[in-house]
Amino acid sequence: MDNDLQNQINQLRQDLFDLNAEVYANNFVGSQDFNKFSRFNSRLKVPSYASNPTVGEVGEIVEVGGKLKICTVASLTAPTWTIVGTQT
C-alpha cells in the first residue's frame, strides 16, 4: 500500500514537472531582464540602398534613402519593406 502511494506521488511530481516545462518553454514575460544579453561589443552595420531591395528575408533591416526599413513579407516577386518607427 505504501509503495503504491509513493508511486502515485512520484508520478504526480513527474507530471507537474512536465507541465511546468511545457508551459514555460519559450514563454517570456515582460519582467525578465535581458540587459546582460543585449550588450554589443561592436556596431550593427546596416546595408544602405538607393531603392528597396528586390530580395529580402523577414526581419532583415536595411537603410533606403535615409529611412530604416525592415522586411515584413518575403516573396519571390517583391518583398514588403516597412519603415521602422516614426522617422522624418
C-alpha atoms as a PDB file:
ATOM      1  CA  MET A   1       0.000   0.000   0.000  1.00  0.00           C
ATOM      2  CA  ASP A   2       2.771   2.470   0.941  1.00  0.00           C
ATOM      3  CA  ASN A   3       4.691   1.594  -2.226  1.00  0.00           C
ATOM      4  CA  ASP A   4       1.586   2.276  -4.336  1.00  0.00           C
ATOM      5  CA  LEU A   5       1.132   5.697  -2.708  1.00  0.00           C
ATOM      6  CA  GLN A   6       4.796   6.534  -3.283  1.00  0.00           C
ATOM      7  CA  ASN A   7       4.457   5.582  -6.966  1.00  0.00           C
ATOM      8  CA  GLN A   8       1.432   7.865  -7.285  1.00  0.00           C
ATOM      9  CA  ILE A   9       3.319  10.739  -5.640  1.00  0.00           C
ATOM     10  CA  ASN A  10       6.298  10.201  -7.941  1.00  0.00           C
ATOM     11  CA  GLN A  11       4.006  10.143 -10.979  1.00  0.00           C
ATOM     12  CA  LEU A  12       2.294  13.369  -9.882  1.00  0.00           C
ATOM     13  CA  ARG A  13       5.688  15.037  -9.380  1.00  0.00           C
ATOM     14  CA  GLN A  14       6.772  13.982 -12.860  1.00  0.00           C
ATOM     15  CA  ASP A  15       3.506  15.215 -14.377  1.00  0.00           C
ATOM     16  CA  LEU A  16       3.890  18.567 -12.617  1.00  0.00           C
ATOM     17  CA  PHE A  17       7.486  18.886 -13.832  1.00  0.00           C
ATOM     18  CA  ASP A  18       6.446  18.081 -17.426  1.00  0.00           C
ATOM     19  CA  LEU A  19       3.573  20.562 -17.246  1.00  0.00           C
ATOM     20  CA  ASN A  20       5.825  23.352 -15.952  1.00  0.00           C
ATOM     21  CA  ALA A  21       8.390  22.629 -18.662  1.00  0.00           C
ATOM     22  CA  GLU A  22       5.681  22.803 -21.327  1.00  0.00           C
ATOM     23  CA  VAL A  23       4.066  25.993 -20.004  1.00  0.00           C
ATOM     24  CA  TYR A  24       7.295  27.943 -19.527  1.00  0.00           C
ATOM     25  CA  ALA A  25       9.158  26.767 -22.640  1.00  0.00           C
ATOM     26  CA  ASN A  26       9.829  29.843 -24.810  1.00  0.00           C
ATOM     27  CA  ASN A  27       7.197  31.915 -22.984  1.00  0.00           C
ATOM     28  CA  PHE A  28       8.843  35.154 -21.918  1.00  0.00           C
ATOM     29  CA  VAL A  29       7.280  37.763 -19.687  1.00  0.00           C
ATOM     30  CA  GLY A  30       7.969  41.487 -19.718  1.00  0.00           C
ATOM     31  CA  SER A  31       9.580  41.419 -16.307  1.00  0.00           C
ATOM     32  CA  GLN A  32      12.595  39.409 -17.412  1.00  0.00           C
ATOM     33  CA  ASP A  33      15.919  41.221 -17.575  1.00  0.00           C
ATOM     34  CA  PHE A  34      17.639  40.832 -20.932  1.00  0.00           C
ATOM     35  CA  ASN A  35      20.200  43.605 -20.395  1.00  0.00           C
ATOM     36  CA  LYS A  36      23.088  41.208 -19.925  1.00  0.00           C
ATOM     37  CA  PHE A  37      22.298  39.611 -23.286  1.00  0.00           C
ATOM     38  CA  SER A  38      21.885  42.815 -25.307  1.00  0.00           C
ATOM     39  CA  ARG A  39      25.348  44.335 -24.958  1.00  0.00           C
ATOM     40  CA  PHE A  40      27.132  44.655 -28.269  1.00  0.00           C
ATOM     41  CA  ASN A  41      30.894  44.928 -28.452  1.00  0.00           C
ATOM     42  CA  SER A  42      30.715  46.321 -31.972  1.00  0.00           C
ATOM     43  CA  ARG A  43      28.399  48.402 -34.104  1.00  0.00           C
ATOM     44  CA  LEU A  44      25.490  46.977 -36.004  1.00  0.00           C
ATOM     45  CA  LYS A  45      26.155  47.589 -39.677  1.00  0.00           C
ATOM     46  CA  VAL A  46      23.028  48.134 -41.757  1.00  0.00           C
ATOM     47  CA  PRO A  47      23.354  47.971 -45.549  1.00  0.00           C
ATOM     48  CA  SER A  48      22.351  51.108 -47.444  1.00  0.00           C
ATOM     49  CA  TYR A  49      20.440  51.089 -50.744  1.00  0.00           C
ATOM     50  CA  ALA A  50      19.163  53.726 -53.160  1.00  0.00           C
ATOM     51  CA  SER A  51      15.834  51.870 -53.539  1.00  0.00           C
ATOM     52  CA  ASN A  52      14.090  48.936 -51.879  1.00  0.00           C
ATOM     53  CA  PRO A  53      15.997  45.671 -52.449  1.00  0.00           C
ATOM     54  CA  THR A  54      14.311  43.145 -54.749  1.00  0.00           C
ATOM     55  CA  VAL A  55      15.048  40.267 -52.363  1.00  0.00           C
ATOM     56  CA  GLY A  56      14.804  40.062 -48.599  1.00  0.00           C
ATOM     57  CA  GLU A  57      14.189  37.778 -45.658  1.00  0.00           C
ATOM     58  CA  VAL A  58      11.612  38.532 -42.959  1.00  0.00           C
ATOM     59  CA  GLY A  59      13.369  40.513 -40.222  1.00  0.00           C
ATOM     60  CA  GLU A  60      16.147  41.827 -42.464  1.00  0.00           C
ATOM     61  CA  ILE A  61      16.964  45.505 -41.800  1.00  0.00           C
ATOM     62  CA  VAL A  62      18.156  47.965 -44.457  1.00  0.00           C
ATOM     63  CA  GLU A  63      18.505  51.719 -44.917  1.00  0.00           C
ATOM     64  CA  VAL A  64      16.836  53.179 -48.004  1.00  0.00           C
ATOM     65  CA  GLY A  65      17.064  56.899 -48.719  1.00  0.00           C
ATOM     66  CA  GLY A  66      17.743  57.777 -45.079  1.00  0.00           C
ATOM     67  CA  LYS A  67      14.892  55.609 -43.748  1.00  0.00           C
ATOM     68  CA  LEU A  68      15.371  52.461 -41.695  1.00  0.00           C
ATOM     69  CA  LYS A  69      13.218  49.645 -43.080  1.00  0.00           C
ATOM     70  CA  ILE A  70      12.522  46.031 -42.152  1.00  0.00           C
ATOM     71  CA  CYS A  71      11.326  43.222 -44.394  1.00  0.00           C
ATOM     72  CA  THR A  72       7.897  42.161 -43.154  1.00  0.00           C
ATOM     73  CA  VAL A  73       6.849  39.881 -46.030  1.00  0.00           C
ATOM     74  CA  ALA A  74       9.276  37.886 -48.137  1.00  0.00           C
ATOM     75  CA  SER A  75       8.159  36.788 -51.585  1.00  0.00           C
ATOM     76  CA  LEU A  76       9.768  35.677 -54.819  1.00  0.00           C
ATOM     77  CA  THR A  77       8.408  38.673 -56.745  1.00  0.00           C
ATOM     78  CA  ALA A  78       8.803  41.626 -54.344  1.00  0.00           C
ATOM     79  CA  PRO A  79       9.311  41.645 -50.578  1.00  0.00           C
ATOM     80  CA  THR A  80       7.433  44.151 -48.431  1.00  0.00           C
ATOM     81  CA  TRP A  81       9.690  46.740 -46.764  1.00  0.00           C
ATOM     82  CA  THR A  82       8.129  48.642 -43.834  1.00  0.00           C
ATOM     83  CA  ILE A  83       9.564  51.801 -42.264  1.00  0.00           C
ATOM     84  CA  VAL A  84      10.651  51.187 -38.673  1.00  0.00           C
ATOM     85  CA  GLY A  85       9.121  53.540 -36.113  1.00  0.00           C
ATOM     86  CA  THR A  86       8.322  57.170 -36.836  1.00  0.00           C
ATOM     87  CA  GLN A  87      11.031  58.736 -38.951  1.00  0.00           C
ATOM     88  CA  THR A  88      11.032  62.133 -40.592  1.00  0.00           C
END
